């Protein structure tokens, strides 16, 4: 997801994978695969840079996950405890 700004100053996030094209004439128009169009304050170059950074972050996390180095942040409740999870960890050989 990338963060963009409408002409009225309202920010929104957009799934970068859905972008078909970005044009500047003179306002920047972002066209999606379903032909939805957004006019944004950012320049064409800024939108392209946001998309590149988004894609690079995905590749970086995938690389870390592949190497076993990625640990997503754990959300905590107000009392500081980790929330209950519906995901059960796979048992280790010692636990089987």
N, C-alpha and C. Protein backbone atom coordinates (compact mmCIF):
# COMPACT_ATOMS: atom_id res chain seq x y z
N UNK A 1 0.84 -1.17 0.00
CA UNK A 1 0.00 0.00 0.00
C UNK A 1 0.90 1.24 0.00
N UNK A 2 0.47 2.24 -0.75
CA UNK A 2 1.19 3.51 -0.77
C UNK A 2 0.24 4.61 -0.30
N UNK A 3 0.80 5.62 0.35
CA UNK A 3 0.01 6.74 0.85
C UNK A 3 0.06 7.88 -0.17
N UNK A 4 -1.13 8.37 -0.55
CA UNK A 4 -1.24 9.47 -1.50
C UNK A 4 -2.15 10.55 -0.91
N UNK A 5 -2.16 11.72 -1.55
CA UNK A 5 -2.94 12.85 -1.06
C UNK A 5 -3.85 13.37 -2.16
N UNK A 6 -5.14 13.46 -1.86
CA UNK A 6 -6.09 14.04 -2.80
C UNK A 6 -5.85 15.54 -2.89
N UNK A 7 -6.41 16.20 -3.87
CA UNK A 7 -6.22 17.64 -4.05
C UNK A 7 -6.78 18.44 -2.87
N UNK A 8 -7.78 17.89 -2.15
CA UNK A 8 -8.35 18.58 -0.99
C UNK A 8 -7.52 18.37 0.28
N UNK A 9 -6.40 17.66 0.18
CA UNK A 9 -5.51 17.43 1.31
C UNK A 9 -5.76 16.13 2.06
N UNK A 10 -6.83 15.43 1.73
CA UNK A 10 -7.16 14.17 2.39
C UNK A 10 -6.19 13.08 1.94
N UNK A 11 -5.59 12.38 2.91
CA UNK A 11 -4.69 11.29 2.57
C UNK A 11 -5.45 9.98 2.50
N UNK A 12 -4.98 9.08 1.64
CA UNK A 12 -5.56 7.75 1.54
C UNK A 12 -4.45 6.79 1.14
N UNK A 13 -4.70 5.52 1.34
CA UNK A 13 -3.72 4.51 0.92
C UNK A 13 -4.31 3.72 -0.25
N UNK A 14 -3.42 3.33 -1.13
CA UNK A 14 -3.82 2.67 -2.36
C UNK A 14 -2.97 1.42 -2.56
N UNK A 15 -3.59 0.34 -2.97
CA UNK A 15 -2.87 -0.89 -3.28
C UNK A 15 -2.07 -0.65 -4.55
N UNK A 16 -0.76 -0.58 -4.42
CA UNK A 16 0.12 -0.28 -5.56
C UNK A 16 0.03 -1.33 -6.65
N UNK A 17 -0.38 -2.54 -6.31
CA UNK A 17 -0.48 -3.61 -7.31
C UNK A 17 -1.63 -3.36 -8.29
N UNK A 18 -2.56 -2.46 -7.96
CA UNK A 18 -3.71 -2.21 -8.81
C UNK A 18 -3.51 -1.05 -9.79
N UNK A 19 -2.34 -0.41 -9.74
CA UNK A 19 -2.10 0.75 -10.59
C UNK A 19 -1.78 0.30 -12.02
N UNK A 20 -2.53 0.85 -12.98
CA UNK A 20 -2.28 0.57 -14.39
C UNK A 20 -1.33 1.62 -14.97
N UNK A 21 -1.62 2.91 -14.67
CA UNK A 21 -0.76 3.96 -15.20
C UNK A 21 -0.87 5.20 -14.33
N UNK A 22 0.16 6.04 -14.42
CA UNK A 22 0.21 7.33 -13.72
C UNK A 22 0.56 8.37 -14.76
N UNK A 23 -0.28 9.40 -14.87
CA UNK A 23 -0.07 10.44 -15.87
C UNK A 23 -0.07 11.81 -15.20
N UNK A 24 0.66 12.73 -15.78
CA UNK A 24 0.67 14.11 -15.31
C UNK A 24 0.20 15.03 -16.41
N UNK A 25 -0.99 15.64 -16.25
CA UNK A 25 -1.51 16.53 -17.30
C UNK A 25 -2.47 17.56 -16.76
N UNK A 26 -2.13 18.67 -16.18
CA UNK A 26 -0.96 18.92 -15.34
C UNK A 26 -1.09 18.25 -13.98
N UNK A 27 -2.34 17.94 -13.53
CA UNK A 27 -2.49 17.20 -12.27
C UNK A 27 -2.08 15.75 -12.49
N UNK A 28 -1.63 15.11 -11.42
CA UNK A 28 -1.25 13.70 -11.51
C UNK A 28 -2.49 12.85 -11.39
N UNK A 29 -2.72 11.99 -12.37
CA UNK A 29 -3.88 11.09 -12.40
C UNK A 29 -3.36 9.66 -12.30
N UNK A 30 -3.84 8.94 -11.28
CA UNK A 30 -3.49 7.53 -11.08
C UNK A 30 -4.67 6.70 -11.58
N UNK A 31 -4.45 5.87 -12.58
CA UNK A 31 -5.51 5.01 -13.14
C UNK A 31 -5.27 3.58 -12.67
N UNK A 32 -6.34 2.96 -12.17
CA UNK A 32 -6.24 1.58 -11.69
C UNK A 32 -6.68 0.60 -12.77
N UNK A 33 -6.48 -0.68 -12.51
CA UNK A 33 -6.83 -1.72 -13.47
C UNK A 33 -8.30 -1.73 -13.81
N UNK A 34 -9.17 -1.31 -12.86
CA UNK A 34 -10.61 -1.29 -13.12
C UNK A 34 -11.08 0.06 -13.67
N UNK A 35 -10.14 0.88 -14.13
CA UNK A 35 -10.39 2.20 -14.71
C UNK A 35 -10.82 3.26 -13.70
N UNK A 36 -10.73 2.98 -12.40
CA UNK A 36 -10.93 4.01 -11.39
C UNK A 36 -9.77 4.99 -11.50
N UNK A 37 -10.07 6.27 -11.36
CA UNK A 37 -9.02 7.29 -11.47
C UNK A 37 -9.00 8.14 -10.21
N UNK A 38 -7.79 8.47 -9.76
CA UNK A 38 -7.59 9.34 -8.61
C UNK A 38 -6.69 10.48 -9.05
N UNK A 39 -7.07 11.71 -8.70
CA UNK A 39 -6.22 12.88 -8.94
C UNK A 39 -5.53 13.17 -7.63
N UNK A 40 -4.19 13.21 -7.65
CA UNK A 40 -3.42 13.35 -6.42
C UNK A 40 -2.45 14.53 -6.50
N UNK A 41 -2.02 15.00 -5.31
CA UNK A 41 -1.08 16.12 -5.24
C UNK A 41 0.34 15.72 -5.63
N UNK A 42 0.71 14.48 -5.38
CA UNK A 42 2.07 14.02 -5.65
C UNK A 42 2.35 14.06 -7.15
N UNK A 43 3.61 14.29 -7.51
CA UNK A 43 4.00 14.28 -8.91
C UNK A 43 4.10 12.83 -9.40
N UNK A 44 4.18 12.67 -10.71
CA UNK A 44 4.35 11.33 -11.29
C UNK A 44 5.59 10.67 -10.71
N UNK A 45 6.69 11.42 -10.64
CA UNK A 45 7.94 10.86 -10.10
C UNK A 45 7.79 10.43 -8.65
N UNK A 46 7.04 11.19 -7.86
CA UNK A 46 6.84 10.82 -6.45
C UNK A 46 6.01 9.54 -6.33
N UNK A 47 4.99 9.40 -7.16
CA UNK A 47 4.17 8.18 -7.13
C UNK A 47 5.02 6.98 -7.54
N UNK A 48 5.81 7.13 -8.59
CA UNK A 48 6.69 6.05 -9.03
C UNK A 48 7.66 5.67 -7.91
N UNK A 49 8.22 6.66 -7.23
CA UNK A 49 9.15 6.38 -6.13
C UNK A 49 8.45 5.63 -4.99
N UNK A 50 7.21 6.03 -4.67
CA UNK A 50 6.45 5.32 -3.63
C UNK A 50 6.23 3.86 -4.01
N UNK A 51 5.89 3.62 -5.27
CA UNK A 51 5.66 2.24 -5.73
C UNK A 51 6.96 1.45 -5.65
N UNK A 52 8.07 2.04 -6.06
CA UNK A 52 9.37 1.35 -5.99
C UNK A 52 9.74 1.00 -4.56
N UNK A 53 9.54 1.94 -3.64
CA UNK A 53 9.85 1.69 -2.24
C UNK A 53 8.94 0.60 -1.66
N UNK A 54 7.68 0.61 -2.07
CA UNK A 54 6.75 -0.44 -1.62
C UNK A 54 7.22 -1.81 -2.09
N UNK A 55 7.55 -1.92 -3.37
CA UNK A 55 8.00 -3.20 -3.92
C UNK A 55 9.32 -3.65 -3.29
N UNK A 56 10.22 -2.71 -3.05
CA UNK A 56 11.50 -3.04 -2.42
C UNK A 56 11.28 -3.54 -1.00
N UNK A 57 10.33 -2.96 -0.28
CA UNK A 57 10.08 -3.40 1.10
C UNK A 57 9.53 -4.82 1.11
N UNK A 58 8.70 -5.16 0.13
CA UNK A 58 8.18 -6.53 0.04
C UNK A 58 9.31 -7.51 -0.22
N UNK A 59 10.19 -7.17 -1.15
CA UNK A 59 11.32 -8.06 -1.45
C UNK A 59 12.27 -8.18 -0.27
N UNK A 60 12.47 -7.10 0.46
CA UNK A 60 13.36 -7.12 1.61
C UNK A 60 12.80 -8.04 2.70
N UNK A 61 11.51 -7.92 2.98
CA UNK A 61 10.90 -8.77 4.00
C UNK A 61 10.92 -10.23 3.56
N UNK A 62 10.63 -10.48 2.27
CA UNK A 62 10.66 -11.86 1.77
C UNK A 62 12.06 -12.46 1.92
N UNK A 63 13.10 -11.67 1.64
CA UNK A 63 14.47 -12.14 1.78
C UNK A 63 14.77 -12.48 3.24
N UNK A 64 14.35 -11.60 4.16
CA UNK A 64 14.57 -11.85 5.58
C UNK A 64 13.80 -13.09 6.05
N UNK A 65 12.58 -13.26 5.54
CA UNK A 65 11.79 -14.44 5.92
C UNK A 65 12.47 -15.71 5.42
N UNK A 66 13.00 -15.67 4.21
CA UNK A 66 13.67 -16.82 3.63
C UNK A 66 14.89 -17.22 4.45
N UNK A 67 15.57 -16.23 5.00
CA UNK A 67 16.76 -16.49 5.81
C UNK A 67 16.41 -16.74 7.28
N UNK A 68 15.14 -16.66 7.64
CA UNK A 68 14.72 -16.89 9.02
C UNK A 68 15.02 -15.72 9.94
N UNK A 69 15.23 -14.53 9.38
CA UNK A 69 15.59 -13.37 10.19
C UNK A 69 14.42 -12.45 10.49
N UNK A 70 13.28 -12.64 9.82
CA UNK A 70 12.16 -11.72 9.99
C UNK A 70 11.27 -12.15 11.15
N UNK A 71 11.05 -11.25 12.05
CA UNK A 71 10.14 -11.47 13.16
C UNK A 71 9.15 -10.32 13.19
N UNK A 72 7.89 -10.55 12.78
CA UNK A 72 6.93 -9.45 12.77
C UNK A 72 6.68 -8.96 14.19
N UNK A 73 6.38 -7.66 14.33
CA UNK A 73 6.11 -7.14 15.67
C UNK A 73 4.87 -7.79 16.26
N UNK A 74 4.90 -8.03 17.56
CA UNK A 74 3.79 -8.65 18.26
C UNK A 74 2.99 -7.55 18.95
N UNK A 75 1.71 -7.49 18.63
CA UNK A 75 0.84 -6.50 19.28
C UNK A 75 0.58 -6.94 20.71
N UNK A 76 0.54 -5.99 21.63
CA UNK A 76 0.26 -6.29 23.03
C UNK A 76 -1.02 -5.60 23.45
N UNK A 77 -1.70 -6.19 24.42
CA UNK A 77 -2.90 -5.57 24.95
C UNK A 77 -2.51 -4.44 25.89
N UNK A 78 -3.49 -3.72 26.41
CA UNK A 78 -3.21 -2.58 27.28
C UNK A 78 -2.48 -2.98 28.56
N UNK A 79 -2.70 -4.20 29.03
CA UNK A 79 -2.01 -4.63 30.25
C UNK A 79 -0.61 -5.18 29.98
N UNK A 80 -0.18 -5.11 28.71
CA UNK A 80 1.18 -5.51 28.35
C UNK A 80 1.32 -6.96 27.93
N UNK A 81 0.24 -7.74 28.03
CA UNK A 81 0.30 -9.15 27.67
C UNK A 81 0.08 -9.31 26.17
N UNK A 82 0.69 -10.34 25.62
CA UNK A 82 0.47 -10.65 24.21
C UNK A 82 -0.94 -11.21 24.05
N UNK A 83 -1.67 -10.83 23.01
CA UNK A 83 -3.04 -11.32 22.83
C UNK A 83 -3.06 -12.80 22.50
N UNK A 84 -4.19 -13.44 22.81
CA UNK A 84 -4.36 -14.84 22.45
C UNK A 84 -4.38 -14.95 20.94
N UNK A 85 -3.87 -16.03 20.43
CA UNK A 85 -3.80 -16.21 18.98
C UNK A 85 -4.56 -17.46 18.60
N UNK A 86 -5.18 -17.43 17.45
CA UNK A 86 -5.86 -18.62 16.95
C UNK A 86 -4.90 -19.53 16.19
N UNK A 87 -3.66 -19.08 16.03
CA UNK A 87 -2.65 -19.87 15.33
C UNK A 87 -1.87 -20.69 16.35
N UNK A 88 -1.85 -21.98 16.14
CA UNK A 88 -1.13 -22.87 17.04
C UNK A 88 0.24 -23.15 16.45
N UNK A 89 1.33 -22.90 17.22
CA UNK A 89 2.65 -23.16 16.67
C UNK A 89 2.87 -24.64 16.39
N UNK A 90 3.62 -24.91 15.35
CA UNK A 90 3.95 -26.28 14.99
C UNK A 90 4.87 -26.85 16.06
N UNK A 91 4.58 -28.04 16.58
CA UNK A 91 5.41 -28.57 17.68
C UNK A 91 6.82 -28.94 17.20
N UNK A 92 7.78 -28.75 18.08
CA UNK A 92 9.15 -29.14 17.78
C UNK A 92 9.27 -30.65 17.95
N UNK A 93 10.38 -31.21 17.54
CA UNK A 93 10.57 -32.66 17.66
C UNK A 93 10.51 -33.10 19.13
N UNK A 94 11.02 -32.28 20.01
CA UNK A 94 11.02 -32.65 21.42
C UNK A 94 9.62 -32.68 22.00
N UNK A 95 8.71 -31.88 21.45
CA UNK A 95 7.35 -31.82 21.97
C UNK A 95 6.46 -32.93 21.43
N UNK A 96 6.90 -33.62 20.37
CA UNK A 96 6.06 -34.67 19.75
C UNK A 96 6.08 -35.91 20.54
